[in-house]
Amino acid sequence: LVARLETVIDWSDTRVAALCRLNALTDERSPSQAGPPRTSTATRFD
């Protein structure tokens, strides 16, 4: 999931941009593997 927000203020020639990224990676376990699926999450921002 990526959210972006950008604003430009023309009279001052200013630009502000923000990005936030959330992701989750879940392994697909076969029926022979024990335990619940493992999930790893990460957050990035700029």
All heavy atoms as atom14 arrays in JSON, in Angstrom:
{
  "sequence": "LVARLETVIDWSDTRVAALCRLNALTDERSPSQAGPPRTSTATRFD",
  "atom14_mask": [
    [1, 1, 1, 1, 1, 1, 1, 1, 0, 0, 0, 0, 0, 0],
    [1, 1, 1, 1, 1, 1, 1, 0, 0, 0, 0, 0, 0, 0],
    [1, 1, 1, 1, 1, 0, 0, 0, 0, 0, 0, 0, 0, 0],
    [1, 1, 1, 1, 1, 1, 1, 1, 1, 1, 1, 0, 0, 0],
    [1, 1, 1, 1, 1, 1, 1, 1, 0, 0, 0, 0, 0, 0],
    [1, 1, 1, 1, 1, 1, 1, 1, 1, 0, 0, 0, 0, 0],
    [1, 1, 1, 1, 1, 1, 1, 0, 0, 0, 0, 0, 0, 0],
    [1, 1, 1, 1, 1, 1, 1, 0, 0, 0, 0, 0, 0, 0],
    [1, 1, 1, 1, 1, 1, 1, 1, 0, 0, 0, 0, 0, 0],
    [1, 1, 1, 1, 1, 1, 1, 1, 0, 0, 0, 0, 0, 0],
    [1, 1, 1, 1, 1, 1, 1, 1, 1, 1, 1, 1, 1, 1],
    [1, 1, 1, 1, 1, 1, 0, 0, 0, 0, 0, 0, 0, 0],
    [1, 1, 1, 1, 1, 1, 1, 1, 0, 0, 0, 0, 0, 0],
    [1, 1, 1, 1, 1, 1, 1, 0, 0, 0, 0, 0, 0, 0],
    [1, 1, 1, 1, 1, 1, 1, 1, 1, 1, 1, 0, 0, 0],
    [1, 1, 1, 1, 1, 1, 1, 0, 0, 0, 0, 0, 0, 0],
    [1, 1, 1, 1, 1, 0, 0, 0, 0, 0, 0, 0, 0, 0],
    [1, 1, 1, 1, 1, 0, 0, 0, 0, 0, 0, 0, 0, 0],
    [1, 1, 1, 1, 1, 1, 1, 1, 0, 0, 0, 0, 0, 0],
    [1, 1, 1, 1, 1, 1, 0, 0, 0, 0, 0, 0, 0, 0],
    [1, 1, 1, 1, 1, 1, 1, 1, 1, 1, 1, 0, 0, 0],
    [1, 1, 1, 1, 1, 1, 1, 1, 0, 0, 0, 0, 0, 0],
    [1, 1, 1, 1, 1, 1, 1, 1, 0, 0, 0, 0, 0, 0],
    [1, 1, 1, 1, 1, 0, 0, 0, 0, 0, 0, 0, 0, 0],
    [1, 1, 1, 1, 1, 1, 1, 1, 0, 0, 0, 0, 0, 0],
    [1, 1, 1, 1, 1, 1, 1, 0, 0, 0, 0, 0, 0, 0],
    [1, 1, 1, 1, 1, 1, 1, 1, 0, 0, 0, 0, 0, 0],
    [1, 1, 1, 1, 1, 1, 1, 1, 1, 0, 0, 0, 0, 0],
    [1, 1, 1, 1, 1, 1, 1, 1, 1, 1, 1, 0, 0, 0],
    [1, 1, 1, 1, 1, 1, 0, 0, 0, 0, 0, 0, 0, 0],
    [1, 1, 1, 1, 1, 1, 1, 0, 0, 0, 0, 0, 0, 0],
    [1, 1, 1, 1, 1, 1, 0, 0, 0, 0, 0, 0, 0, 0],
    [1, 1, 1, 1, 1, 1, 1, 1, 1, 0, 0, 0, 0, 0],
    [1, 1, 1, 1, 1, 0, 0, 0, 0, 0, 0, 0, 0, 0],
    [1, 1, 1, 1, 0, 0, 0, 0, 0, 0, 0, 0, 0, 0],
    [1, 1, 1, 1, 1, 1, 1, 0, 0, 0, 0, 0, 0, 0],
    [1, 1, 1, 1, 1, 1, 1, 0, 0, 0, 0, 0, 0, 0],
    [1, 1, 1, 1, 1, 1, 1, 1, 1, 1, 1, 0, 0, 0],
    [1, 1, 1, 1, 1, 1, 1, 0, 0, 0, 0, 0, 0, 0],
    [1, 1, 1, 1, 1, 1, 0, 0, 0, 0, 0, 0, 0, 0],
    [1, 1, 1, 1, 1, 1, 1, 0, 0, 0, 0, 0, 0, 0],
    [1, 1, 1, 1, 1, 0, 0, 0, 0, 0, 0, 0, 0, 0],
    [1, 1, 1, 1, 1, 1, 1, 0, 0, 0, 0, 0, 0, 0],
    [1, 1, 1, 1, 1, 1, 1, 1, 1, 1, 1, 0, 0, 0],
    [1, 1, 1, 1, 1, 1, 1, 1, 1, 1, 1, 0, 0, 0],
    [1, 1, 1, 1, 1, 1, 1, 1, 0, 0, 0, 0, 0, 0]
  ],
  "atom14_positions": [
    [[0.85, -1.18, 0.0], [0.0, 0.0, 0.0], [0.89, 1.23, 0.0], [1.76, 1.38, 0.86], [-0.89, 0.0, 1.24], [-1.94, 1.12, 1.33], [-3.0, 0.96, 0.23], [-2.59, 1.11, 2.7], [0.0, 0.0, 0.0], [0.0, 0.0, 0.0], [0.0, 0.0, 0.0], [0.0, 0.0, 0.0], [0.0, 0.0, 0.0], [0.0, 0.0, 0.0]],
    [[0.69, 2.1, -0.99], [1.51, 3.3, -1.13], [0.58, 4.52, -1.17], [-0.34, 4.58, -1.98], [2.35, 3.28, -2.43], [3.16, 4.56, -2.57], [3.28, 2.07, -2.44], [0.0, 0.0, 0.0], [0.0, 0.0, 0.0], [0.0, 0.0, 0.0], [0.0, 0.0, 0.0], [0.0, 0.0, 0.0], [0.0, 0.0, 0.0], [0.0, 0.0, 0.0]],
    [[0.83, 5.47, -0.28], [0.08, 6.73, -0.26], [1.04, 7.87, -0.6], [2.15, 7.93, -0.06], [-0.55, 6.97, 1.11], [0.0, 0.0, 0.0], [0.0, 0.0, 0.0], [0.0, 0.0, 0.0], [0.0, 0.0, 0.0], [0.0, 0.0, 0.0], [0.0, 0.0, 0.0], [0.0, 0.0, 0.0], [0.0, 0.0, 0.0], [0.0, 0.0, 0.0]],
    [[0.63, 8.74, -1.53], [1.44, 9.88, -1.95], [0.63, 11.15, -1.77], [-0.57, 11.17, -2.04], [1.84, 9.77, -3.42], [2.65, 8.58, -3.78], [2.87, 8.52, -5.29], [3.46, 7.28, -5.71], [4.75, 7.09, -5.93], [5.57, 8.1, -5.77], [5.22, 5.93, -6.3], [0.0, 0.0, 0.0], [0.0, 0.0, 0.0], [0.0, 0.0, 0.0]],
    [[1.32, 12.2, -1.37], [0.71, 13.52, -1.24], [1.73, 14.55, -1.7], [2.9, 14.49, -1.31], [0.31, 13.78, 0.22], [-0.64, 14.94, 0.48], [-1.98, 14.69, -0.17], [-0.8, 15.14, 1.98], [0.0, 0.0, 0.0], [0.0, 0.0, 0.0], [0.0, 0.0, 0.0], [0.0, 0.0, 0.0], [0.0, 0.0, 0.0], [0.0, 0.0, 0.0]],
    [[1.3, 15.46, -2.56], [2.21, 16.46, -3.11], [1.51, 17.8, -3.2], [0.34, 17.86, -3.59], [2.7, 16.03, -4.5], [3.66, 16.99, -5.13], [4.13, 16.52, -6.5], [3.43, 15.71, -7.13], [5.19, 16.97, -6.94], [0.0, 0.0, 0.0], [0.0, 0.0, 0.0], [0.0, 0.0, 0.0], [0.0, 0.0, 0.0], [0.0, 0.0, 0.0]],
    [[2.21, 18.84, -2.83], [1.67, 20.19, -2.97], [2.73, 21.08, -3.59], [3.92, 20.95, -3.32], [1.2, 20.76, -1.61], [0.61, 22.04, -1.83], [2.33, 20.89, -0.64], [0.0, 0.0, 0.0], [0.0, 0.0, 0.0], [0.0, 0.0, 0.0], [0.0, 0.0, 0.0], [0.0, 0.0, 0.0], [0.0, 0.0, 0.0], [0.0, 0.0, 0.0]],
    [[2.28, 21.99, -4.45], [3.15, 22.93, -5.13], [2.65, 24.34, -4.83], [1.47, 24.63, -5.01], [3.18, 22.69, -6.65], [4.05, 23.72, -7.34], [3.66, 21.28, -6.95], [0.0, 0.0, 0.0], [0.0, 0.0, 0.0], [0.0, 0.0, 0.0], [0.0, 0.0, 0.0], [0.0, 0.0, 0.0], [0.0, 0.0, 0.0], [0.0, 0.0, 0.0]],
    [[3.55, 25.18, -4.34], [3.22, 26.58, -4.07], [3.93, 27.41, -5.14], [5.14, 27.65, -5.06], [3.67, 26.99, -2.65], [3.05, 26.03, -1.62], [3.28, 28.43, -2.35], [3.61, 26.16, -0.23], [0.0, 0.0, 0.0], [0.0, 0.0, 0.0], [0.0, 0.0, 0.0], [0.0, 0.0, 0.0], [0.0, 0.0, 0.0], [0.0, 0.0, 0.0]],
    [[3.19, 27.8, -6.16], [3.79, 28.43, -7.34], [4.51, 29.73, -7.02], [5.6, 29.97, -7.53], [2.72, 28.68, -8.42], [2.28, 27.4, -9.08], [3.09, 26.46, -9.15], [1.12, 27.34, -9.52], [0.0, 0.0, 0.0], [0.0, 0.0, 0.0], [0.0, 0.0, 0.0], [0.0, 0.0, 0.0], [0.0, 0.0, 0.0], [0.0, 0.0, 0.0]],
    [[3.91, 30.58, -6.2], [4.48, 31.91, -6.01], [5.84, 31.87, -5.3], [6.66, 32.76, -5.46], [3.52, 32.82, -5.25], [3.15, 32.33, -3.88], [2.08, 31.56, -3.56], [3.84, 32.59, -2.66], [2.05, 31.31, -2.21], [3.13, 31.94, -1.63], [4.99, 33.31, -2.33], [3.53, 31.98, -0.3], [5.39, 33.35, -1.01], [4.66, 32.7, -0.01]],
    [[6.11, 30.77, -4.54], [7.41, 30.66, -3.88], [8.3, 29.59, -4.51], [9.41, 29.35, -4.04], [7.23, 30.35, -2.4], [6.62, 29.08, -2.24], [0.0, 0.0, 0.0], [0.0, 0.0, 0.0], [0.0, 0.0, 0.0], [0.0, 0.0, 0.0], [0.0, 0.0, 0.0], [0.0, 0.0, 0.0], [0.0, 0.0, 0.0], [0.0, 0.0, 0.0]],
    [[7.8, 28.94, -5.58], [8.54, 27.88, -6.25], [8.94, 26.77, -5.28], [10.08, 26.31, -5.26], [9.77, 28.46, -6.95], [10.22, 27.59, -8.13], [9.51, 26.62, -8.46], [11.3, 27.87, -8.69], [0.0, 0.0, 0.0], [0.0, 0.0, 0.0], [0.0, 0.0, 0.0], [0.0, 0.0, 0.0], [0.0, 0.0, 0.0], [0.0, 0.0, 0.0]],
    [[7.97, 26.36, -4.45], [8.2, 25.34, -3.43], [7.35, 24.12, -3.74], [6.2, 24.24, -4.13], [7.82, 25.88, -2.03], [8.58, 27.05, -1.77], [8.08, 24.85, -0.95], [0.0, 0.0, 0.0], [0.0, 0.0, 0.0], [0.0, 0.0, 0.0], [0.0, 0.0, 0.0], [0.0, 0.0, 0.0], [0.0, 0.0, 0.0], [0.0, 0.0, 0.0]],
    [[7.95, 22.94, -3.53], [7.2, 21.69, -3.7], [7.49, 20.79, -2.51], [8.64, 20.58, -2.13], [7.6, 20.98, -4.99], [6.81, 19.71, -5.25], [7.07, 19.17, -6.62], [8.43, 18.71, -6.78], [8.85, 17.46, -6.53], [7.98, 16.57, -6.07], [10.09, 17.13, -6.7], [0.0, 0.0, 0.0], [0.0, 0.0, 0.0], [0.0, 0.0, 0.0]],
    [[6.43, 20.26, -1.92], [6.55, 19.31, -0.81], [5.88, 18.01, -1.25], [4.73, 18.02, -1.69], [5.9, 19.84, 0.48], [6.05, 18.82, 1.6], [6.52, 21.16, 0.89], [0.0, 0.0, 0.0], [0.0, 0.0, 0.0], [0.0, 0.0, 0.0], [0.0, 0.0, 0.0], [0.0, 0.0, 0.0], [0.0, 0.0, 0.0], [0.0, 0.0, 0.0]],
    [[6.61, 16.9, -1.13], [6.07, 15.6, -1.51], [6.3, 14.62, -0.37], [7.39, 14.58, 0.21], [6.73, 15.1, -2.79], [0.0, 0.0, 0.0], [0.0, 0.0, 0.0], [0.0, 0.0, 0.0], [0.0, 0.0, 0.0], [0.0, 0.0, 0.0], [0.0, 0.0, 0.0], [0.0, 0.0, 0.0], [0.0, 0.0, 0.0], [0.0, 0.0, 0.0]],
    [[5.28, 13.83, -0.05], [5.39, 12.82, 1.0], [4.89, 11.49, 0.46], [3.92, 11.44, -0.29], [4.57, 13.24, 2.22], [0.0, 0.0, 0.0], [0.0, 0.0, 0.0], [0.0, 0.0, 0.0], [0.0, 0.0, 0.0], [0.0, 0.0, 0.0], [0.0, 0.0, 0.0], [0.0, 0.0, 0.0], [0.0, 0.0, 0.0], [0.0, 0.0, 0.0]],
    [[5.6, 10.43, 0.83], [5.23, 9.08, 0.41], [5.35, 8.17, 1.62], [6.32, 8.25, 2.38], [6.15, 8.6, -0.71], [5.9, 7.17, -1.21], [6.09, 7.1, -2.71], [6.84, 6.18, -0.52], [0.0, 0.0, 0.0], [0.0, 0.0, 0.0], [0.0, 0.0, 0.0], [0.0, 0.0, 0.0], [0.0, 0.0, 0.0], [0.0, 0.0, 0.0]],
    [[4.37, 7.3, 1.79], [4.42, 6.27, 2.83], [4.08, 4.94, 2.17], [3.1, 4.85, 1.41], [3.43, 6.58, 3.94], [3.51, 5.37, 5.29], [0.0, 0.0, 0.0], [0.0, 0.0, 0.0], [0.0, 0.0, 0.0], [0.0, 0.0, 0.0], [0.0, 0.0, 0.0], [0.0, 0.0, 0.0], [0.0, 0.0, 0.0], [0.0, 0.0, 0.0]],
    [[4.89, 3.92, 2.45], [4.7, 2.61, 1.83], [4.66, 1.54, 2.91], [5.57, 1.45, 3.74], [5.84, 2.34, 0.86], [5.74, 1.02, 0.16], [6.86, 0.87, -0.85], [6.56, -0.18, -1.79], [7.29, -0.46, -2.85], [8.37, 0.27, -3.11], [6.95, -1.43, -3.66], [0.0, 0.0, 0.0], [0.0, 0.0, 0.0], [0.0, 0.0, 0.0]],
    [[3.61, 0.74, 2.91], [3.47, -0.38, 3.84], [3.38, -1.65, 3.02], [2.61, -1.71, 2.05], [2.2, -0.24, 4.69], [1.98, 1.08, 5.41], [0.59, 1.13, 6.0], [3.02, 1.28, 6.49], [0.0, 0.0, 0.0], [0.0, 0.0, 0.0], [0.0, 0.0, 0.0], [0.0, 0.0, 0.0], [0.0, 0.0, 0.0], [0.0, 0.0, 0.0]],
    [[4.16, -2.66, 3.38], [4.0, -3.92, 2.67], [4.11, -5.09, 3.63], [4.73, -5.0, 4.68], [4.98, -4.06, 1.48], [6.41, -3.92, 1.88], [6.86, -4.56, 2.8], [7.14, -3.05, 1.19], [0.0, 0.0, 0.0], [0.0, 0.0, 0.0], [0.0, 0.0, 0.0], [0.0, 0.0, 0.0], [0.0, 0.0, 0.0], [0.0, 0.0, 0.0]],
    [[3.47, -6.17, 3.24], [3.46, -7.41, 4.03], [3.73, -8.57, 3.1], [3.18, -8.65, 2.0], [2.11, -7.59, 4.72], [0.0, 0.0, 0.0], [0.0, 0.0, 0.0], [0.0, 0.0, 0.0], [0.0, 0.0, 0.0], [0.0, 0.0, 0.0], [0.0, 0.0, 0.0], [0.0, 0.0, 0.0], [0.0, 0.0, 0.0], [0.0, 0.0, 0.0]],
    [[4.61, -9.47, 3.54], [5.01, -10.64, 2.78], [4.64, -11.86, 3.61], [5.11, -12.01, 4.75], [6.52, -10.57, 2.52], [7.15, -11.57, 1.59], [6.69, -11.29, 0.16], [8.67, -11.46, 1.67], [0.0, 0.0, 0.0], [0.0, 0.0, 0.0], [0.0, 0.0, 0.0], [0.0, 0.0, 0.0], [0.0, 0.0, 0.0], [0.0, 0.0, 0.0]],
    [[3.76, -12.74, 3.09], [3.3, -13.91, 3.82], [3.66, -15.16, 3.04], [3.32, -15.27, 1.86], [1.77, -13.86, 4.02], [1.44, -12.65, 4.7], [1.29, -15.05, 4.84], [0.0, 0.0, 0.0], [0.0, 0.0, 0.0], [0.0, 0.0, 0.0], [0.0, 0.0, 0.0], [0.0, 0.0, 0.0], [0.0, 0.0, 0.0], [0.0, 0.0, 0.0]],
    [[4.36, -16.09, 3.71], [4.75, -17.31, 2.99], [3.55, -18.21, 2.77], [2.6, -18.23, 3.55], [5.87, -18.04, 3.72], [5.41, -18.68, 5.04], [4.4, -18.2, 5.59], [6.04, -19.62, 5.5], [0.0, 0.0, 0.0], [0.0, 0.0, 0.0], [0.0, 0.0, 0.0], [0.0, 0.0, 0.0], [0.0, 0.0, 0.0], [0.0, 0.0, 0.0]],
    [[3.58, -18.92, 1.65], [2.51, -19.86, 1.31], [2.98, -21.24, 1.73], [3.76, -21.88, 1.01], [2.21, -19.8, -0.18], [1.67, -18.46, -0.64], [1.39, -18.46, -2.14], [1.92, -19.31, -2.86], [0.65, -17.57, -2.58], [0.0, 0.0, 0.0], [0.0, 0.0, 0.0], [0.0, 0.0, 0.0], [0.0, 0.0, 0.0], [0.0, 0.0, 0.0]],
    [[2.53, -21.72, 2.86], [2.99, -23.0, 3.38], [2.16, -24.13, 2.81], [0.95, -24.02, 2.65], [2.93, -23.03, 4.9], [3.88, -22.03, 5.54], [4.12, -22.34, 6.98], [5.3, -21.63, 7.44], [5.93, -21.94, 8.56], [5.51, -22.93, 9.3], [6.99, -21.25, 8.93], [0.0, 0.0, 0.0], [0.0, 0.0, 0.0], [0.0, 0.0, 0.0]],
    [[2.83, -25.23, 2.53], [2.12, -26.43, 2.07], [1.45, -27.1, 3.27], [1.83, -26.85, 4.41], [3.1, -27.39, 1.4], [4.01, -27.89, 2.38], [0.0, 0.0, 0.0], [0.0, 0.0, 0.0], [0.0, 0.0, 0.0], [0.0, 0.0, 0.0], [0.0, 0.0, 0.0], [0.0, 0.0, 0.0], [0.0, 0.0, 0.0], [0.0, 0.0, 0.0]],
    [[0.44, -27.95, 3.03], [-0.25, -28.61, 4.15], [0.69, -29.43, 5.03], [0.41, -29.67, 6.19], [-1.29, -29.5, 3.46], [-1.52, -28.83, 2.14], [-0.19, -28.23, 1.75], [0.0, 0.0, 0.0], [0.0, 0.0, 0.0], [0.0, 0.0, 0.0], [0.0, 0.0, 0.0], [0.0, 0.0, 0.0], [0.0, 0.0, 0.0], [0.0, 0.0, 0.0]],
    [[1.83, -29.89, 4.49], [2.74, -30.71, 5.29], [3.6, -29.87, 6.24], [4.23, -30.43, 7.14], [3.66, -31.51, 4.35], [4.47, -30.62, 3.6], [0.0, 0.0, 0.0], [0.0, 0.0, 0.0], [0.0, 0.0, 0.0], [0.0, 0.0, 0.0], [0.0, 0.0, 0.0], [0.0, 0.0, 0.0], [0.0, 0.0, 0.0], [0.0, 0.0, 0.0]],
    [[3.64, -28.55, 6.07], [4.44, -27.71, 6.94], [3.65, -27.33, 8.19], [2.47, -26.98, 8.1], [4.89, -26.44, 6.21], [5.89, -26.72, 5.09], [6.22, -25.46, 4.32], [5.31, -24.77, 3.86], [7.5, -25.17, 4.18], [0.0, 0.0, 0.0], [0.0, 0.0, 0.0], [0.0, 0.0, 0.0], [0.0, 0.0, 0.0], [0.0, 0.0, 0.0]],
    [[4.31, -27.41, 9.33], [3.63, -27.14, 10.59], [3.63, -25.65, 10.9], [4.5, -24.92, 10.45], [4.33, -27.9, 11.72], [0.0, 0.0, 0.0], [0.0, 0.0, 0.0], [0.0, 0.0, 0.0], [0.0, 0.0, 0.0], [0.0, 0.0, 0.0], [0.0, 0.0, 0.0], [0.0, 0.0, 0.0], [0.0, 0.0, 0.0], [0.0, 0.0, 0.0]],
    [[2.64, -25.25, 11.69], [2.6, -23.88, 12.17], [1.86, -22.95, 11.23], [1.62, -23.27, 10.06], [0.0, 0.0, 0.0], [0.0, 0.0, 0.0], [0.0, 0.0, 0.0], [0.0, 0.0, 0.0], [0.0, 0.0, 0.0], [0.0, 0.0, 0.0], [0.0, 0.0, 0.0], [0.0, 0.0, 0.0], [0.0, 0.0, 0.0], [0.0, 0.0, 0.0]],
    [[1.5, -21.78, 11.74], [0.8, -20.81, 10.9], [1.76, -20.16, 9.9], [2.97, -20.17, 10.1], [0.29, -19.78, 11.92], [1.27, -19.87, 13.05], [1.7, -21.3, 13.11], [0.0, 0.0, 0.0], [0.0, 0.0, 0.0], [0.0, 0.0, 0.0], [0.0, 0.0, 0.0], [0.0, 0.0, 0.0], [0.0, 0.0, 0.0], [0.0, 0.0, 0.0]],
    [[1.23, -19.57, 8.84], [2.1, -18.87, 7.87], [2.84, -17.72, 8.55], [2.31, -17.07, 9.44], [1.12, -18.35, 6.81], [-0.1, -19.18, 6.97], [-0.17, -19.55, 8.42], [0.0, 0.0, 0.0], [0.0, 0.0, 0.0], [0.0, 0.0, 0.0], [0.0, 0.0, 0.0], [0.0, 0.0, 0.0], [0.0, 0.0, 0.0], [0.0, 0.0, 0.0]],
    [[4.07, -17.48, 8.12], [4.86, -16.37, 8.66], [4.6, -15.12, 7.83], [4.55, -15.17, 6.61], [6.35, -16.71, 8.61], [6.74, -17.84, 9.54], [8.16, -18.28, 9.27], [8.26, -18.83, 7.92], [9.41, -19.1, 7.32], [10.54, -18.85, 7.92], [9.42, -19.62, 6.1], [0.0, 0.0, 0.0], [0.0, 0.0, 0.0], [0.0, 0.0, 0.0]],
    [[4.45, -13.99, 8.5], [4.24, -12.71, 7.83], [5.31, -11.73, 8.26], [5.61, -11.61, 9.45], [2.84, -12.14, 8.15], [1.85, -13.05, 7.7], [2.63, -10.8, 7.46], [0.0, 0.0, 0.0], [0.0, 0.0, 0.0], [0.0, 0.0, 0.0], [0.0, 0.0, 0.0], [0.0, 0.0, 0.0], [0.0, 0.0, 0.0], [0.0, 0.0, 0.0]],
    [[5.88, -11.05, 7.29], [6.87, -10.03, 7.57], [6.35, -8.72, 7.01], [5.86, -8.66, 5.88], [8.21, -10.39, 6.92], [9.14, -9.34, 7.09], [0.0, 0.0, 0.0], [0.0, 0.0, 0.0], [0.0, 0.0, 0.0], [0.0, 0.0, 0.0], [0.0, 0.0, 0.0], [0.0, 0.0, 0.0], [0.0, 0.0, 0.0], [0.0, 0.0, 0.0]],
    [[6.42, -7.65, 7.81], [5.93, -6.35, 7.36], [7.07, -5.34, 7.33], [8.07, -5.49, 8.04], [4.81, -5.82, 8.28], [5.32, -5.7, 9.6], [3.62, -6.75, 8.27], [0.0, 0.0, 0.0], [0.0, 0.0, 0.0], [0.0, 0.0, 0.0], [0.0, 0.0, 0.0], [0.0, 0.0, 0.0], [0.0, 0.0, 0.0], [0.0, 0.0, 0.0]],
    [[6.91, -4.33, 6.52], [7.92, -3.26, 6.42], [7.21, -1.95, 6.14], [6.15, -1.92, 5.51], [8.93, -3.56, 5.31], [0.0, 0.0, 0.0], [0.0, 0.0, 0.0], [0.0, 0.0, 0.0], [0.0, 0.0, 0.0], [0.0, 0.0, 0.0], [0.0, 0.0, 0.0], [0.0, 0.0, 0.0], [0.0, 0.0, 0.0], [0.0, 0.0, 0.0]],
    [[7.79, -0.87, 6.62], [7.27, 0.47, 6.39], [8.38, 1.33, 5.81], [9.49, 1.32, 6.32], [6.77, 1.11, 7.7], [5.79, 0.26, 8.29], [6.17, 2.47, 7.45], [0.0, 0.0, 0.0], [0.0, 0.0, 0.0], [0.0, 0.0, 0.0], [0.0, 0.0, 0.0], [0.0, 0.0, 0.0], [0.0, 0.0, 0.0], [0.0, 0.0, 0.0]],
    [[8.08, 2.06, 4.75], [9.04, 2.99, 4.15], [8.38, 4.36, 4.07], [7.16, 4.47, 3.91], [9.42, 2.56, 2.74], [10.05, 1.19, 2.62], [11.5, 1.23, 3.01], [12.25, 0.16, 2.39], [12.41, -1.05, 2.91], [11.83, -1.35, 4.05], [13.12, -1.96, 2.29], [0.0, 0.0, 0.0], [0.0, 0.0, 0.0], [0.0, 0.0, 0.0]],
    [[9.16, 5.41, 4.17], [8.62, 6.76, 4.01], [9.66, 7.64, 3.34], [10.86, 7.38, 3.38], [8.18, 7.36, 5.34], [9.33, 7.66, 6.27], [9.97, 8.89, 6.23], [9.78, 6.71, 7.16], [11.04, 9.17, 7.07], [10.84, 6.97, 8.01], [11.47, 8.2, 7.96], [0.0, 0.0, 0.0], [0.0, 0.0, 0.0], [0.0, 0.0, 0.0]],
    [[9.18, 8.7, 2.71], [10.05, 9.67, 2.04], [9.32, 11.01, 2.05], [8.24, 11.13, 1.5], [10.33, 9.21, 0.61], [11.33, 10.1, -0.11], [11.9, 11.01, 0.54], [11.55, 9.91, -1.32], [0.0, 0.0, 0.0], [0.0, 0.0, 0.0], [0.0, 0.0, 0.0], [0.0, 0.0, 0.0], [0.0, 0.0, 0.0], [0.0, 0.0, 0.0]]
  ]
}
